[in-house]
Amino acid sequence: MTYDMTSRTFWGVSLPWSEEFARVLLIMLVYLSAIGLTRRNDHIRVEFIVSLLGERAQKRLGWFADFLCLVFTLSATWLGVVFVKESIRFNLSFAHSNLPFPVWVAQLIVPIAFALISLRLILRLLGAGQATQRETGE
């Protein structure tokens, strides 16, 4: 974008694909950030009512929330794979630019990100289950 803005300002020339490429990179950064936020457990959540519960109920509710998120992320991973396959099958390209790669390359971030988030949630759920068993002595 810096190159494009500079060349547009001084020479009146713009790359035909720079804005769309910046948009693709922004979308990829959002998905990569979601992976990091899940890893640190910093995702958005409403804790007002949860904070009123006891510690054990909070842990169980957290486990259930992670389980529901896992169901969602596994579904999104599968749908992302279908999405990419369809783009490959129909040989889709970017409609308004001449980006030097097909659409499916940019779309790969969807199944990859959701698969990694799913893996993180699986590890968290397994770890939480082990921690709960240790606490209760089961």
C-alpha atoms as a PDB file:
ATOM      1  CA  MET A   1       0.000   0.000   0.000  1.00  0.00           C
ATOM      2  CA  THR A   2       2.877   2.377   0.724  1.00  0.00           C
ATOM      3  CA  TYR A   3       4.330   1.781  -2.733  1.00  0.00           C
ATOM      4  CA  ASP A   4       0.928   2.207  -4.346  1.00  0.00           C
ATOM      5  CA  MET A   5       0.173   5.431  -2.480  1.00  0.00           C
ATOM      6  CA  THR A   6       3.622   6.838  -3.309  1.00  0.00           C
ATOM      7  CA  SER A   7       3.445   5.939  -7.006  1.00  0.00           C
ATOM      8  CA  ARG A   8      -0.096   7.289  -7.240  1.00  0.00           C
ATOM      9  CA  THR A   9       0.893  10.559  -5.558  1.00  0.00           C
ATOM     10  CA  PHE A  10       4.092  11.269  -7.490  1.00  0.00           C
ATOM     11  CA  TRP A  11       3.533   9.572 -10.851  1.00  0.00           C
ATOM     12  CA  GLY A  12      -0.239   9.155 -11.071  1.00  0.00           C
ATOM     13  CA  VAL A  13       0.177   5.415 -11.591  1.00  0.00           C
ATOM     14  CA  SER A  14      -1.382   2.705  -9.450  1.00  0.00           C
ATOM     15  CA  LEU A  15      -0.956  -1.043  -9.380  1.00  0.00           C
ATOM     16  CA  PRO A  16      -4.229  -2.645 -10.525  1.00  0.00           C
ATOM     17  CA  TRP A  17      -4.189  -5.256  -7.760  1.00  0.00           C
ATOM     18  CA  SER A  18      -2.706  -3.473  -4.734  1.00  0.00           C
ATOM     19  CA  GLU A  19      -5.958  -2.604  -2.943  1.00  0.00           C
ATOM     20  CA  GLU A  20      -7.380  -6.091  -3.311  1.00  0.00           C
ATOM     21  CA  PHE A  21      -4.083  -7.616  -2.199  1.00  0.00           C
ATOM     22  CA  ALA A  22      -4.127  -5.407   0.919  1.00  0.00           C
ATOM     23  CA  ARG A  23      -7.708  -6.561   1.600  1.00  0.00           C
ATOM     24  CA  VAL A  24      -6.669 -10.219   1.284  1.00  0.00           C
ATOM     25  CA  LEU A  25      -3.750  -9.655   3.667  1.00  0.00           C
ATOM     26  CA  LEU A  26      -6.024  -7.921   6.180  1.00  0.00           C
ATOM     27  CA  ILE A  27      -8.458 -10.853   6.133  1.00  0.00           C
ATOM     28  CA  MET A  28      -5.570 -13.296   6.594  1.00  0.00           C
ATOM     29  CA  LEU A  29      -4.282 -11.282   9.556  1.00  0.00           C
ATOM     30  CA  VAL A  30      -7.714 -11.433  11.196  1.00  0.00           C
ATOM     31  CA  TYR A  31      -7.745 -15.233  10.956  1.00  0.00           C
ATOM     32  CA  LEU A  32      -4.148 -15.524  12.175  1.00  0.00           C
ATOM     33  CA  SER A  33      -4.985 -13.226  15.099  1.00  0.00           C
ATOM     34  CA  ALA A  34      -7.936 -15.449  15.998  1.00  0.00           C
ATOM     35  CA  ILE A  35      -5.533 -18.390  16.296  1.00  0.00           C
ATOM     36  CA  GLY A  36      -3.319 -16.410  18.682  1.00  0.00           C
ATOM     37  CA  LEU A  37      -6.256 -15.152  20.730  1.00  0.00           C
ATOM     38  CA  THR A  38      -7.570 -18.694  21.143  1.00  0.00           C
ATOM     39  CA  ARG A  39      -4.131 -19.846  22.236  1.00  0.00           C
ATOM     40  CA  ARG A  40      -3.987 -17.198  24.965  1.00  0.00           C
ATOM     41  CA  ASN A  41      -7.699 -17.603  25.797  1.00  0.00           C
ATOM     42  CA  ASP A  42      -8.220 -13.887  25.078  1.00  0.00           C
ATOM     43  CA  HIS A  43     -11.237 -14.254  22.826  1.00  0.00           C
ATOM     44  CA  ILE A  44     -14.389 -12.188  23.385  1.00  0.00           C
ATOM     45  CA  ARG A  45     -16.707 -13.460  26.090  1.00  0.00           C
ATOM     46  CA  VAL A  46     -19.287 -12.070  28.473  1.00  0.00           C
ATOM     47  CA  GLU A  47     -18.257 -12.760  32.045  1.00  0.00           C
ATOM     48  CA  PHE A  48     -20.818 -10.835  34.054  1.00  0.00           C
ATOM     49  CA  ILE A  49     -23.010 -13.830  34.956  1.00  0.00           C
ATOM     50  CA  VAL A  50     -20.116 -16.293  34.897  1.00  0.00           C
ATOM     51  CA  SER A  51     -18.307 -14.262  37.558  1.00  0.00           C
ATOM     52  CA  LEU A  52     -21.279 -14.772  39.895  1.00  0.00           C
ATOM     53  CA  LEU A  53     -20.823 -18.566  39.782  1.00  0.00           C
ATOM     54  CA  GLY A  54     -18.503 -20.616  41.947  1.00  0.00           C
ATOM     55  CA  GLU A  55     -15.099 -21.735  40.699  1.00  0.00           C
ATOM     56  CA  ARG A  56     -16.206 -25.280  39.875  1.00  0.00           C
ATOM     57  CA  ALA A  57     -19.289 -24.071  37.950  1.00  0.00           C
ATOM     58  CA  GLN A  58     -17.111 -21.563  36.072  1.00  0.00           C
ATOM     59  CA  LYS A  59     -14.756 -24.346  34.996  1.00  0.00           C
ATOM     60  CA  ARG A  60     -17.622 -26.555  33.831  1.00  0.00           C
ATOM     61  CA  LEU A  61     -19.249 -23.689  31.964  1.00  0.00           C
ATOM     62  CA  GLY A  62     -15.869 -22.840  30.400  1.00  0.00           C
ATOM     63  CA  TRP A  63     -15.466 -26.447  29.298  1.00  0.00           C
ATOM     64  CA  PHE A  64     -18.969 -26.435  27.783  1.00  0.00           C
ATOM     65  CA  ALA A  65     -18.300 -23.142  25.984  1.00  0.00           C
ATOM     66  CA  ASP A  66     -15.035 -24.540  24.591  1.00  0.00           C
ATOM     67  CA  PHE A  67     -16.909 -27.656  23.462  1.00  0.00           C
ATOM     68  CA  LEU A  68     -19.508 -25.560  21.620  1.00  0.00           C
ATOM     69  CA  CYS A  69     -16.717 -23.498  20.042  1.00  0.00           C
ATOM     70  CA  LEU A  70     -15.051 -26.740  18.959  1.00  0.00           C
ATOM     71  CA  VAL A  71     -18.240 -27.916  17.246  1.00  0.00           C
ATOM     72  CA  PHE A  72     -18.384 -24.576  15.427  1.00  0.00           C
ATOM     73  CA  THR A  73     -14.709 -24.535  14.424  1.00  0.00           C
ATOM     74  CA  LEU A  74     -14.781 -28.134  13.183  1.00  0.00           C
ATOM     75  CA  SER A  75     -17.835 -27.255  11.072  1.00  0.00           C
ATOM     76  CA  ALA A  76     -16.109 -24.127   9.769  1.00  0.00           C
ATOM     77  CA  THR A  77     -12.993 -26.159   8.926  1.00  0.00           C
ATOM     78  CA  TRP A  78     -15.032 -28.634   6.915  1.00  0.00           C
ATOM     79  CA  LEU A  79     -16.995 -25.874   5.150  1.00  0.00           C
ATOM     80  CA  GLY A  80     -13.736 -24.032   4.444  1.00  0.00           C
ATOM     81  CA  VAL A  81     -12.328 -27.125   2.747  1.00  0.00           C
ATOM     82  CA  VAL A  82     -15.512 -27.396   0.655  1.00  0.00           C
ATOM     83  CA  PHE A  83     -15.219 -23.687  -0.165  1.00  0.00           C
ATOM     84  CA  VAL A  84     -11.608 -24.057  -1.359  1.00  0.00           C
ATOM     85  CA  LYS A  85     -12.408 -27.206  -3.364  1.00  0.00           C
ATOM     86  CA  GLU A  86     -15.238 -25.410  -5.161  1.00  0.00           C
ATOM     87  CA  SER A  87     -12.953 -22.489  -6.008  1.00  0.00           C
ATOM     88  CA  ILE A  88     -10.376 -24.897  -7.432  1.00  0.00           C
ATOM     89  CA  ARG A  89     -13.051 -26.841  -9.317  1.00  0.00           C
ATOM     90  CA  PHE A  90     -14.463 -23.722 -10.985  1.00  0.00           C
ATOM     91  CA  ASN A  91     -11.011 -22.116 -11.418  1.00  0.00           C
ATOM     92  CA  LEU A  92     -12.139 -18.882  -9.753  1.00  0.00           C
ATOM     93  CA  SER A  93     -10.022 -15.764  -9.974  1.00  0.00           C
ATOM     94  CA  PHE A  94     -10.300 -12.344  -8.395  1.00  0.00           C
ATOM     95  CA  ALA A  95     -13.013 -10.417 -10.214  1.00  0.00           C
ATOM     96  CA  HIS A  96     -11.738  -6.853 -10.019  1.00  0.00           C
ATOM     97  CA  SER A  97      -7.984  -7.232 -10.249  1.00  0.00           C
ATOM     98  CA  ASN A  98      -5.170  -9.154 -11.788  1.00  0.00           C
ATOM     99  CA  LEU A  99      -3.777 -10.724  -8.638  1.00  0.00           C
ATOM    100  CA  PRO A 100      -1.101 -13.212  -9.684  1.00  0.00           C
ATOM    101  CA  PHE A 101      -2.677 -16.153  -7.835  1.00  0.00           C
ATOM    102  CA  PRO A 102      -6.092 -17.859  -7.837  1.00  0.00           C
ATOM    103  CA  VAL A 103      -8.784 -17.157  -5.239  1.00  0.00           C
ATOM    104  CA  TRP A 104      -8.359 -20.505  -3.495  1.00  0.00           C
ATOM    105  CA  VAL A 105      -4.842 -19.550  -2.370  1.00  0.00           C
ATOM    106  CA  ALA A 106      -6.288 -16.691  -0.323  1.00  0.00           C
ATOM    107  CA  GLN A 107      -9.227 -18.824   0.821  1.00  0.00           C
ATOM    108  CA  LEU A 108      -6.913 -21.465   2.303  1.00  0.00           C
ATOM    109  CA  ILE A 109      -6.620 -19.332   5.421  1.00  0.00           C
ATOM    110  CA  VAL A 110     -10.203 -20.259   6.386  1.00  0.00           C
ATOM    111  CA  PRO A 111      -9.799 -24.042   6.817  1.00  0.00           C
ATOM    112  CA  ILE A 112      -6.217 -23.709   8.084  1.00  0.00           C
ATOM    113  CA  ALA A 113      -7.119 -21.168  10.767  1.00  0.00           C
ATOM    114  CA  PHE A 114     -10.216 -23.013  11.926  1.00  0.00           C
ATOM    115  CA  ALA A 115      -8.319 -26.327  11.982  1.00  0.00           C
ATOM    116  CA  LEU A 116      -5.624 -24.779  14.183  1.00  0.00           C
ATOM    117  CA  ILE A 117      -8.232 -23.219  16.465  1.00  0.00           C
ATOM    118  CA  SER A 118      -9.955 -26.625  16.652  1.00  0.00           C
ATOM    119  CA  LEU A 119      -6.675 -28.247  17.625  1.00  0.00           C
ATOM    120  CA  ARG A 120      -6.130 -25.641  20.334  1.00  0.00           C
ATOM    121  CA  LEU A 121      -9.647 -26.226  21.682  1.00  0.00           C
ATOM    122  CA  ILE A 122      -9.182 -30.014  21.666  1.00  0.00           C
ATOM    123  CA  LEU A 123      -5.947 -29.645  23.627  1.00  0.00           C
ATOM    124  CA  ARG A 124      -7.625 -27.259  26.065  1.00  0.00           C
ATOM    125  CA  LEU A 125     -10.600 -29.589  26.542  1.00  0.00           C
ATOM    126  CA  LEU A 126      -8.351 -32.590  27.138  1.00  0.00           C
ATOM    127  CA  GLY A 127      -6.182 -30.599  29.537  1.00  0.00           C
ATOM    128  CA  ALA A 128      -9.216 -29.246  31.385  1.00  0.00           C
ATOM    129  CA  GLY A 129     -10.627 -32.742  31.725  1.00  0.00           C
ATOM    130  CA  GLN A 130      -7.379 -33.980  33.218  1.00  0.00           C
ATOM    131  CA  ALA A 131      -7.205 -31.003  35.581  1.00  0.00           C
ATOM    132  CA  THR A 132     -10.787 -31.604  36.752  1.00  0.00           C
ATOM    133  CA  GLN A 133     -10.032 -35.289  37.416  1.00  0.00           C
ATOM    134  CA  ARG A 134      -6.945 -34.329  39.436  1.00  0.00           C
ATOM    135  CA  GLU A 135      -8.938 -31.814  41.514  1.00  0.00           C
ATOM    136  CA  THR A 136     -11.773 -34.227  42.338  1.00  0.00           C
ATOM    137  CA  GLY A 137      -9.465 -37.223  42.850  1.00  0.00           C
ATOM    138  CA  GLU A 138     -11.259 -39.343  40.234  1.00  0.00           C
END
